[in-house]
Amino acid sequence: MSEEQGITVSKEENISAWYQELIVKSNLADYSSVSGCIVYRPLAYSIWERVKEEVDKRFKEIGIENAYFPLLIPESLLEKEAEHFQGFTPEVAWVTEAGNSELNERLAIRPTSEAIMYDSYSKWIKSWRDLPLKLNQWNNVIRWEFKHPTPFLRTREFLWNEGHNVYETKEGALEDKVRVLGAYKEVVEDYMALPGFIGRKTEKEKFAGAVDTWSMEHLLPDGKAIQGPDYHYDGTNFAEAFEITFMGRGSEEKYPHQTTYAITTRQLGIMIMVHSDDRGLVIPPKLAPIKTVIVPIPADEDYNERILEKGREISSKLEDCKIDDRENQTPGWKFNEWELKGVPLRIEIGPEEIKENTLTLVRRDNQEKITVEQSEAKEKVEEILEKIQKKLLKNAREFLNENTRETRSYGELKQILEEKGGFIKAPWCGKSSCEKKIKDETTAKITNIPSKYETPENEECIKCGEKAKYWVNFAKSY
């Protein structure tokens, strides 16, 4: 493989250029003729399908059902919830004509589905017996971002789940919060090998229209934070806006409590950026469409058929295994290509392996070479794939821990942000005024109030010096 076909930019020297080159050359995605919209090539879409499958399986255990609502939303419905609509106004793409006819009412291309779904909910929900209603969509949305688009991380069209649940009480809504965030955490950590901080957003950073928002926040290799999955408790805000009422158990009319939650294809970009290197992609084995690739090492004619036969035999015993028997490329070229595409484990079979009844295994994550007996191939491959999966999470967790620092000094906070980045744990009074001043002066925001942090005792706010209410994480964010 020539230099032009491989990665030519170092991740450490220029992470942005490295990432852009990696996305295209690994065949994950390509740019399209629509500005800010990408093509998800089969490799990327296959990974997303596996994420979706695992999340969806956990949703069903919670009692969440899948449905589908229209892509187009009448403007009159969006305007019913002014606070929410105002937050999306600059990002909405509109349909104004059909054929040669101008429409009587503008139709928004779905930026999110509260308006179209809750119009139906107002018809369906009449009694407490109709609750809880737990519906989810796997779909695409359009948000006409004007910031610099980046594949997966910030695109005008992206894929996600959007869950919209309705409950009799606040308690029911918050009970499912734990279960939904737990489902996201399992998939993000156990499959994508990505750790993060789960916590509540501040009033300033919460989702428009929500009473409270909880998020999972990740750290990218450049020291910037980025939001992952989230969950919103919306109280009765949307119920009141869309006139969703039900007859309670005591025959009184009530507004139900609602929640929304999502995980998006942004998560793929986070995974790619955290784990991959200058050789190309590194895909966690649990999500890899091809977990193992067998590369025959050709010799003379007597050996070649035996090598291919052994490769096919081994391949038939392994899950998601491919044998690369192309004759027009050298083994070295194949090694580089499969490393670029992130296949977790390579198996080399040549004359020496045939003689010794062994296999040479090469890990994608650290290039370690391991010799195993052919008779133990299935057991050893599964064992090594599990080790790779755990090692990727361990590496990411160590990076997160090493780049999460604690300070009580505002001067030190600014210095860390300038020189090192990462998360900075600091005491905060809870006032939006202090939060805003810090962001204005440092460009860092409070990513969330991590659930794992205890309430500070006898601590002063890092900015104003008043009694602190929370330990929070500050970070420059994507």
Protein backbone atom coordinates (compact mmCIF):
# COMPACT_ATOMS: atom_id res chain seq x y z
CA MET A 1 0.00 0.00 0.00
CA SER A 2 1.44 3.37 -1.02
CA GLU A 3 1.69 6.35 1.34
CA GLU A 4 -1.14 8.02 -0.57
CA GLN A 5 -3.44 5.08 0.21
CA GLY A 6 -2.50 5.04 3.89
CA ILE A 7 -2.72 7.75 6.54
CA THR A 8 -0.25 10.56 5.84
CA VAL A 9 -1.03 12.85 8.79
CA SER A 10 -0.09 12.15 12.42
CA LYS A 11 -2.90 12.06 14.97
CA GLU A 12 -0.66 13.77 17.53
CA GLU A 13 0.47 16.57 15.20
CA ASN A 14 -2.87 17.43 13.55
CA ILE A 15 -5.82 15.50 14.91
CA SER A 16 -8.36 17.28 12.70
CA ALA A 17 -6.57 16.54 9.42
CA TRP A 18 -5.78 12.99 10.62
CA TYR A 19 -9.44 12.35 11.40
CA GLN A 20 -10.70 13.73 8.07
CA GLU A 21 -8.22 11.57 6.16
CA LEU A 22 -8.95 8.48 8.24
CA ILE A 23 -12.72 8.67 7.70
CA VAL A 24 -12.37 8.63 3.90
CA LYS A 25 -9.41 6.29 3.42
CA SER A 26 -10.77 3.60 5.73
CA ASN A 27 -14.03 3.55 3.71
CA LEU A 28 -16.11 4.57 6.72
CA ALA A 29 -17.75 7.55 5.07
CA ASP A 30 -17.55 9.89 2.12
CA TYR A 31 -18.57 13.45 1.46
CA SER A 32 -21.73 14.02 -0.56
CA SER A 33 -22.98 16.70 -2.94
CA VAL A 34 -25.11 18.09 -0.11
CA SER A 35 -23.08 20.46 2.04
CA GLY A 36 -22.63 19.15 5.59
CA CYS A 37 -24.12 15.71 4.84
CA ILE A 38 -22.06 12.53 4.60
CA VAL A 39 -22.50 9.09 3.05
CA TYR A 40 -22.37 6.29 5.61
CA ARG A 41 -20.51 3.56 3.76
CA PRO A 42 -21.21 -0.10 4.65
CA LEU A 43 -18.44 -0.29 7.26
CA ALA A 44 -19.79 2.66 9.27
CA TYR A 45 -23.41 1.67 8.83
CA SER A 46 -22.70 -1.88 9.93
CA ILE A 47 -21.11 -0.59 13.16
CA TRP A 48 -24.13 1.68 13.73
CA GLU A 49 -26.48 -1.28 13.15
CA ARG A 50 -24.72 -3.20 15.92
CA VAL A 51 -24.93 -0.26 18.31
CA LYS A 52 -28.59 0.15 17.42
CA GLU A 53 -29.27 -3.57 17.92
CA GLU A 54 -27.75 -3.60 21.41
CA VAL A 55 -29.50 -0.40 22.53
CA ASP A 56 -32.80 -1.55 21.07
CA LYS A 57 -32.58 -4.90 22.85
CA ARG A 58 -32.21 -3.10 26.18
CA PHE A 59 -35.03 -0.70 25.35
CA LYS A 60 -37.39 -3.60 24.81
CA GLU A 61 -36.48 -4.97 28.24
CA ILE A 62 -37.63 -1.62 29.68
CA GLY A 63 -40.92 -1.90 27.78
CA ILE A 64 -40.10 0.65 25.09
CA GLU A 65 -41.71 -0.03 21.70
CA ASN A 66 -40.58 1.20 18.28
CA ALA A 67 -42.80 3.32 16.05
CA TYR A 68 -42.41 5.72 13.15
CA PHE A 69 -43.85 9.21 12.67
CA PRO A 70 -43.74 11.50 9.61
CA LEU A 71 -40.56 13.23 8.49
CA LEU A 72 -42.48 16.44 7.70
CA ILE A 73 -43.91 18.59 10.48
CA PRO A 74 -46.45 21.42 9.94
CA GLU A 75 -45.19 24.79 11.13
CA SER A 76 -48.32 25.25 13.27
CA LEU A 77 -47.38 22.21 15.35
CA LEU A 78 -43.84 23.45 15.94
CA GLU A 79 -45.15 26.78 17.14
CA LYS A 80 -47.22 25.12 19.86
CA GLU A 81 -44.11 24.78 21.98
CA ALA A 82 -42.45 28.16 21.61
CA GLU A 83 -39.56 27.56 24.01
CA HIS A 84 -38.55 24.34 22.25
CA PHE A 85 -39.14 25.64 18.73
CA GLN A 86 -37.11 28.79 19.34
CA GLY A 87 -34.09 26.65 20.15
CA PHE A 88 -34.21 24.99 16.73
CA THR A 89 -35.42 27.87 14.53
CA PRO A 90 -32.05 28.65 12.87
CA GLU A 91 -31.47 24.95 12.15
CA VAL A 92 -34.83 24.04 10.59
CA ALA A 93 -34.97 23.18 6.87
CA TRP A 94 -38.36 23.95 5.31
CA VAL A 95 -40.40 22.47 2.46
CA THR A 96 -42.43 25.23 0.84
CA GLU A 97 -43.34 23.76 -2.57
CA ALA A 98 -44.57 20.43 -3.93
CA GLY A 99 -44.07 20.08 -7.65
CA ASN A 100 -45.09 23.44 -9.12
CA SER A 101 -47.47 24.32 -6.29
CA GLU A 102 -46.72 26.39 -3.23
CA LEU A 103 -47.85 24.71 -0.01
CA ASN A 104 -50.53 26.33 2.14
CA GLU A 105 -48.33 25.78 5.21
CA ARG A 106 -44.60 25.37 5.50
CA LEU A 107 -43.44 21.89 6.49
CA ALA A 108 -40.30 21.45 8.59
CA ILE A 109 -37.99 18.56 7.82
CA ARG A 110 -37.75 16.81 11.18
CA PRO A 111 -35.19 18.47 13.48
CA THR A 112 -36.70 16.35 16.29
CA SER A 113 -40.15 14.80 16.69
CA GLU A 114 -41.82 16.23 19.79
CA ALA A 115 -44.33 18.26 17.77
CA ILE A 116 -45.48 15.54 15.39
CA MET A 117 -45.53 12.80 18.03
CA TYR A 118 -47.27 14.78 20.76
CA ASP A 119 -50.05 15.78 18.38
CA SER A 120 -50.85 12.05 18.20
CA TYR A 121 -50.29 11.55 21.93
CA SER A 122 -52.99 14.13 22.64
CA LYS A 123 -55.46 11.90 20.77
CA TRP A 124 -54.31 8.58 22.19
CA ILE A 125 -53.96 9.38 25.89
CA LYS A 126 -57.28 9.79 27.67
CA SER A 127 -57.01 7.79 30.92
CA TRP A 128 -54.39 6.72 33.43
CA ARG A 129 -54.92 3.26 31.94
CA ASP A 130 -53.25 4.48 28.75
CA LEU A 131 -50.03 5.12 30.68
CA PRO A 132 -47.16 4.66 30.66
CA LEU A 133 -46.68 5.10 26.92
CA LYS A 134 -43.11 4.37 25.89
CA LEU A 135 -42.33 4.89 22.20
CA ASN A 136 -39.03 5.20 20.36
CA GLN A 137 -38.03 6.04 16.81
CA TRP A 138 -34.84 5.06 14.99
CA ASN A 139 -34.64 7.72 12.31
CA ASN A 140 -32.74 10.59 10.76
CA VAL A 141 -33.03 14.31 11.47
CA ILE A 142 -31.96 17.49 9.73
CA ARG A 143 -30.43 20.37 11.66
CA TRP A 144 -28.96 22.95 9.33
CA GLU A 145 -25.83 23.62 11.39
CA PHE A 146 -23.83 26.66 10.35
CA LYS A 147 -20.70 25.61 12.24
CA HIS A 148 -17.91 23.73 10.51
CA PRO A 149 -19.27 20.24 9.67
CA THR A 150 -17.18 17.24 10.72
CA PRO A 151 -18.12 13.68 9.67
CA PHE A 152 -20.14 11.94 12.40
CA LEU A 153 -19.32 14.55 15.04
CA ARG A 154 -21.25 17.46 13.50
CA THR A 155 -23.32 16.93 10.36
CA ARG A 156 -26.52 18.50 9.09
CA GLU A 157 -28.17 15.10 8.83
CA PHE A 158 -27.52 12.39 11.40
CA LEU A 159 -29.03 9.14 12.64
CA TRP A 160 -30.26 8.53 16.18
CA ASN A 161 -32.87 7.11 18.44
CA GLU A 162 -35.39 9.49 19.92
CA GLY A 163 -37.44 8.09 22.76
CA HIS A 164 -40.59 9.86 23.95
CA ASN A 165 -42.20 8.41 27.08
CA VAL A 166 -45.29 9.51 28.98
CA TYR A 167 -46.07 8.73 32.65
CA GLU A 168 -48.68 9.39 35.29
CA THR A 169 -46.10 10.74 37.73
CA LYS A 170 -42.67 12.31 37.99
CA GLU A 171 -41.49 9.27 39.95
CA GLY A 172 -42.21 6.94 37.03
CA ALA A 173 -40.34 9.20 34.65
CA LEU A 174 -37.26 9.34 36.86
CA GLU A 175 -37.33 5.60 37.53
CA ASP A 176 -36.92 4.95 33.81
CA LYS A 177 -34.14 7.56 33.67
CA VAL A 178 -31.90 5.19 35.61
CA ARG A 179 -32.77 2.29 33.33
CA VAL A 180 -32.38 4.17 30.04
CA LEU A 181 -29.09 5.80 31.02
CA GLY A 182 -27.97 2.40 32.29
CA ALA A 183 -28.73 0.88 28.88
CA TYR A 184 -26.73 3.59 27.12
CA LYS A 185 -23.84 3.20 29.56
CA GLU A 186 -23.68 -0.58 29.02
CA VAL A 187 -23.51 -0.26 25.23
CA VAL A 188 -21.15 2.72 25.20
CA GLU A 189 -18.72 1.15 27.68
CA ASP A 190 -19.03 -2.58 26.95
CA TYR A 191 -19.26 -2.35 23.15
CA MET A 192 -17.71 0.98 22.14
CA ALA A 193 -15.10 0.88 24.93
CA LEU A 194 -15.82 4.52 25.84
CA PRO A 195 -15.91 5.72 29.45
CA GLY A 196 -17.50 9.00 30.44
CA PHE A 197 -19.06 11.08 33.19
CA ILE A 198 -22.81 10.72 33.68
CA GLY A 199 -24.46 13.64 35.42
CA ARG A 200 -27.04 16.40 35.37
CA LYS A 201 -26.73 19.42 33.10
CA THR A 202 -26.92 22.92 34.54
CA GLU A 203 -29.94 25.11 33.90
CA LYS A 204 -27.97 26.95 31.22
CA GLU A 205 -26.85 23.79 29.42
CA LYS A 206 -30.00 21.66 29.65
CA PHE A 207 -32.17 20.75 26.66
CA ALA A 208 -34.62 23.48 25.61
CA GLY A 209 -38.03 22.66 27.06
CA ALA A 210 -36.72 20.23 29.69
CA VAL A 211 -36.98 20.51 33.46
CA ASP A 212 -33.74 18.55 33.84
CA THR A 213 -31.22 16.96 31.49
CA TRP A 214 -28.70 14.19 32.23
CA SER A 215 -25.85 13.39 29.86
CA MET A 216 -22.82 11.19 29.37
CA GLU A 217 -19.74 13.29 28.63
CA HIS A 218 -16.65 11.93 26.88
CA LEU A 219 -13.13 13.26 26.42
CA LEU A 220 -11.48 13.40 22.99
CA PRO A 221 -7.71 13.00 22.46
CA ASP A 222 -7.32 16.74 21.86
CA GLY A 223 -8.50 17.44 25.41
CA LYS A 224 -11.97 18.66 24.45
CA ALA A 225 -15.17 17.26 25.92
CA ILE A 226 -18.05 16.04 23.79
CA GLN A 227 -21.57 15.02 24.77
CA GLY A 228 -22.76 11.47 24.27
CA PRO A 229 -26.21 10.01 25.07
CA ASP A 230 -28.69 12.05 27.09
CA TYR A 231 -32.01 11.83 28.95
CA HIS A 232 -34.44 14.68 29.58
CA TYR A 233 -37.19 14.98 32.16
CA ASP A 234 -39.65 17.39 30.58
CA GLY A 235 -42.19 17.58 33.42
CA THR A 236 -45.58 18.64 32.06
CA ASN A 237 -44.17 21.33 29.75
CA PHE A 238 -44.92 19.54 26.48
CA ALA A 239 -48.20 18.09 27.81
CA GLU A 240 -49.44 21.61 28.49
CA ALA A 241 -48.24 22.92 25.12
CA PHE A 242 -49.85 20.08 23.16
CA GLU A 243 -52.92 19.69 25.38
CA ILE A 244 -52.15 16.13 26.44
CA THR A 245 -54.40 15.34 29.39
CA PHE A 246 -55.74 12.19 31.04
CA MET A 247 -58.37 11.27 33.56
CA GLY A 248 -56.60 10.31 36.79
CA ARG A 249 -57.42 7.52 39.20
CA GLY A 250 -59.54 9.92 41.25
CA SER A 251 -61.49 11.09 38.17
CA GLU A 252 -59.58 14.38 37.99
CA GLU A 253 -58.05 15.66 34.74
CA LYS A 254 -54.25 15.79 34.82
CA TYR A 255 -51.23 16.57 32.68
CA PRO A 256 -48.85 13.60 32.30
CA HIS A 257 -45.09 13.75 32.86
CA GLN A 258 -42.83 13.18 29.86
CA THR A 259 -39.26 12.21 29.06
CA THR A 260 -37.08 12.18 25.96
CA TYR A 261 -33.71 10.47 25.35
CA ALA A 262 -31.25 9.84 22.52
CA ILE A 263 -28.01 8.33 21.28
CA THR A 264 -26.68 9.47 17.89
CA THR A 265 -24.16 8.55 15.21
CA ARG A 266 -21.90 11.18 16.81
CA GLN A 267 -20.95 8.27 19.06
CA LEU A 268 -19.22 6.59 16.10
CA GLY A 269 -17.01 9.63 15.62
CA ILE A 270 -16.09 9.66 19.31
CA MET A 271 -15.19 5.96 19.20
CA ILE A 272 -13.10 6.39 16.05
CA MET A 273 -11.24 9.41 17.37
CA VAL A 274 -10.50 7.89 20.80
CA HIS A 275 -9.24 4.46 19.71
CA SER A 276 -7.73 4.86 16.23
CA ASP A 277 -4.09 5.60 15.41
CA ASP A 278 -1.74 6.58 12.60
CA ARG A 279 -2.17 3.15 10.94
CA GLY A 280 -5.91 3.71 10.61
CA LEU A 281 -9.07 2.58 12.36
CA VAL A 282 -9.18 0.62 15.59
CA ILE A 283 -12.63 -0.95 16.01
CA PRO A 284 -13.59 -2.64 19.29
CA PRO A 285 -14.09 -6.36 18.53
CA LYS A 286 -17.69 -6.45 19.75
CA LEU A 287 -18.64 -3.96 17.02
CA ALA A 288 -16.31 -5.04 14.23
CA PRO A 289 -18.15 -6.37 11.15
CA ILE A 290 -15.01 -8.41 10.44
CA LYS A 291 -13.40 -9.53 13.68
CA THR A 292 -10.60 -11.59 12.14
CA VAL A 293 -8.96 -11.59 8.72
CA ILE A 294 -6.82 -14.49 7.49
CA VAL A 295 -3.97 -13.53 5.17
CA PRO A 296 -2.26 -16.46 3.40
CA ILE A 297 1.50 -16.06 2.89
CA PRO A 298 2.20 -17.63 -0.51
CA ALA A 299 5.17 -19.90 -1.19
CA ASP A 300 5.70 -22.50 -3.94
CA GLU A 301 2.84 -24.35 -5.61
CA ASP A 302 3.08 -27.34 -3.25
CA TYR A 303 2.42 -25.15 -0.25
CA ASN A 304 -0.03 -22.65 -1.70
CA GLU A 305 -3.00 -24.99 -1.96
CA ARG A 306 -2.34 -26.36 1.52
CA ILE A 307 -2.11 -22.81 2.90
CA LEU A 308 -5.43 -21.81 1.29
CA GLU A 309 -7.10 -25.02 2.41
CA LYS A 310 -5.98 -24.45 6.00
CA GLY A 311 -7.12 -20.83 5.83
CA ARG A 312 -10.61 -21.87 4.72
CA GLU A 313 -10.74 -24.51 7.46
CA ILE A 314 -9.81 -22.01 10.17
CA SER A 315 -12.16 -19.36 8.77
CA SER A 316 -15.14 -21.73 8.95
CA LYS A 317 -14.62 -22.13 12.70
CA LEU A 318 -14.49 -18.41 13.54
CA GLU A 319 -17.22 -15.79 13.90
CA ASP A 320 -17.14 -12.84 11.45
CA CYS A 321 -13.93 -14.06 9.83
CA LYS A 322 -12.76 -13.26 6.30
CA ILE A 323 -10.01 -14.96 4.29
CA ASP A 324 -8.21 -12.59 1.94
CA ASP A 325 -7.20 -14.86 -0.93
CA ARG A 326 -6.74 -12.13 -3.54
CA GLU A 327 -3.85 -12.96 -5.84
CA ASN A 328 -3.24 -9.45 -7.16
CA GLN A 329 -1.99 -8.00 -3.85
CA THR A 330 1.02 -8.84 -1.69
CA PRO A 331 0.64 -9.94 1.95
CA GLY A 332 2.22 -6.67 3.11
CA TRP A 333 -0.30 -4.64 1.11
CA LYS A 334 -3.12 -6.67 2.66
CA PHE A 335 -1.71 -6.21 6.17
CA ASN A 336 -1.79 -2.44 5.75
CA GLU A 337 -5.24 -2.41 4.19
CA TRP A 338 -6.86 -4.42 6.97
CA GLU A 339 -5.07 -2.36 9.60
CA LEU A 340 -6.41 0.79 7.93
CA LYS A 341 -9.94 -0.66 8.11
CA GLY A 342 -9.58 -1.55 11.77
CA VAL A 343 -10.00 -5.36 11.75
CA PRO A 344 -9.13 -6.32 15.35
CA LEU A 345 -7.09 -9.46 14.64
CA ARG A 346 -5.05 -10.75 11.73
CA ILE A 347 -4.11 -14.41 11.21
CA GLU A 348 -1.10 -15.18 9.07
CA ILE A 349 -0.70 -18.65 7.51
CA GLY A 350 2.42 -19.45 5.53
CA PRO A 351 4.82 -22.36 4.99
CA GLU A 352 6.18 -22.14 8.54
CA GLU A 353 2.70 -22.31 10.05
CA ILE A 354 1.86 -25.33 7.88
CA LYS A 355 5.05 -27.11 8.96
CA GLU A 356 4.58 -26.36 12.65
CA ASN A 357 0.77 -26.68 12.77
CA THR A 358 0.60 -23.17 14.20
CA LEU A 359 -0.94 -19.81 13.37
CA THR A 360 0.55 -16.33 13.74
CA LEU A 361 -1.94 -13.88 15.26
CA VAL A 362 -1.35 -10.11 15.13
CA ARG A 363 -3.37 -7.73 17.30
CA ARG A 364 -4.54 -4.53 15.62
CA ASP A 365 -4.47 -2.45 18.81
CA ASN A 366 -0.82 -2.96 19.77
CA GLN A 367 0.74 -5.00 16.91
CA GLU A 368 1.60 -7.85 19.28
CA LYS A 369 2.39 -11.14 17.49
CA ILE A 370 1.19 -14.37 19.10
CA THR A 371 1.84 -17.95 17.98
CA VAL A 372 -0.90 -20.47 18.74
CA GLU A 373 -1.58 -24.10 17.87
CA GLN A 374 -3.98 -24.56 14.97
CA SER A 375 -6.10 -26.90 17.07
CA GLU A 376 -6.64 -24.06 19.58
CA ALA A 377 -7.52 -21.40 17.01
CA LYS A 378 -11.15 -20.79 17.99
CA GLU A 379 -10.47 -20.66 21.72
CA LYS A 380 -7.39 -18.45 21.39
CA VAL A 381 -8.97 -16.03 18.92
CA GLU A 382 -11.97 -15.51 21.19
CA GLU A 383 -9.66 -15.02 24.17
CA ILE A 384 -7.51 -12.44 22.37
CA LEU A 385 -10.52 -10.55 21.01
CA GLU A 386 -11.86 -10.26 24.55
CA LYS A 387 -8.48 -8.98 25.74
CA ILE A 388 -8.46 -6.35 22.98
CA GLN A 389 -11.96 -5.20 23.94
CA LYS A 390 -11.00 -4.83 27.60
CA LYS A 391 -7.69 -3.18 26.78
CA LEU A 392 -9.32 -0.50 24.65
CA LEU A 393 -11.67 0.41 27.51
CA LYS A 394 -8.78 0.34 29.98
CA ASN A 395 -6.68 2.64 27.79
CA ALA A 396 -9.57 5.07 27.33
CA ARG A 397 -10.37 5.06 31.06
CA GLU A 398 -6.73 5.72 31.95
CA PHE A 399 -6.67 8.64 29.51
CA LEU A 400 -9.86 10.03 31.05
CA ASN A 401 -8.51 9.68 34.59
CA GLU A 402 -5.14 11.20 33.71
CA ASN A 403 -6.86 14.17 32.12
CA THR A 404 -9.40 14.85 34.86
CA ARG A 405 -7.85 17.25 37.35
CA GLU A 406 -9.16 18.93 40.49
CA THR A 407 -8.65 22.52 41.52
CA ARG A 408 -10.10 25.14 43.86
CA SER A 409 -8.15 27.97 42.26
CA TYR A 410 -9.63 29.98 39.40
CA GLY A 411 -6.15 30.93 38.23
CA GLU A 412 -5.12 27.28 38.11
CA LEU A 413 -8.34 26.36 36.27
CA LYS A 414 -7.48 28.87 33.54
CA GLN A 415 -3.89 27.63 33.37
CA ILE A 416 -4.96 23.97 33.03
CA LEU A 417 -7.44 24.85 30.31
CA GLU A 418 -4.79 26.76 28.41
CA GLU A 419 -1.93 24.26 28.77
CA LYS A 420 -3.53 20.80 29.13
CA GLY A 421 -7.28 20.78 28.55
CA GLY A 422 -9.35 17.85 29.76
CA PHE A 423 -11.96 17.86 32.52
CA ILE A 424 -11.43 20.04 35.55
CA LYS A 425 -13.31 19.17 38.73
CA ALA A 426 -14.07 22.32 40.70
CA PRO A 427 -16.57 23.62 43.29
CA TRP A 428 -19.39 25.84 42.01
CA CYS A 429 -22.03 27.91 43.78
CA GLY A 430 -24.85 26.94 41.42
CA LYS A 431 -25.37 30.46 40.04
CA SER A 432 -25.72 30.90 36.29
CA SER A 433 -23.96 34.26 36.57
CA CYS A 434 -20.72 32.59 37.71
CA GLU A 435 -21.11 29.88 35.09
CA LYS A 436 -21.48 32.51 32.36
CA LYS A 437 -18.50 34.56 33.54
CA ILE A 438 -16.25 31.51 33.50
CA LYS A 439 -17.39 30.57 30.00
CA ASP A 440 -16.94 34.13 28.72
CA GLU A 441 -13.44 34.36 30.19
CA THR A 442 -12.15 30.85 29.37
CA THR A 443 -14.54 29.45 26.66
CA ALA A 444 -14.97 26.44 28.99
CA LYS A 445 -18.42 25.37 30.13
CA ILE A 446 -19.79 23.12 32.83
CA THR A 447 -20.24 19.85 30.94
CA ASN A 448 -22.38 18.36 33.71
CA ILE A 449 -22.63 17.74 37.45
CA PRO A 450 -21.36 14.15 37.67
CA SER A 451 -23.48 11.78 39.74
CA LYS A 452 -20.30 10.18 41.10
CA TYR A 453 -19.17 13.42 42.77
CA GLU A 454 -20.26 14.03 46.35
CA THR A 455 -21.77 17.33 47.48
CA PRO A 456 -18.92 19.63 48.60
CA GLU A 457 -18.57 20.41 52.29
CA ASN A 458 -17.05 23.72 53.36
CA GLU A 459 -15.95 24.51 49.80
CA GLU A 460 -16.06 27.90 48.11
CA CYS A 461 -17.15 28.56 44.54
CA ILE A 462 -14.12 28.69 42.29
CA LYS A 463 -15.29 31.98 40.78
CA CYS A 464 -17.19 34.08 43.36
CA GLY A 465 -16.00 32.56 46.66
CA GLU A 466 -19.51 31.92 47.98
CA LYS A 467 -20.47 28.55 49.46
CA ALA A 468 -20.28 25.84 46.81
CA LYS A 469 -23.31 23.64 46.12
CA TYR A 470 -21.76 21.23 43.62
CA TRP A 471 -18.58 19.68 42.36
CA VAL A 472 -18.77 20.07 38.57
CA ASN A 473 -16.67 19.35 35.52
CA PHE A 474 -15.46 22.27 33.44
CA ALA A 475 -14.03 21.68 29.97
CA LYS A 476 -13.64 23.22 26.56
CA SER A 477 -16.10 21.30 24.47
CA TYR A 478 -16.64 20.35 20.88
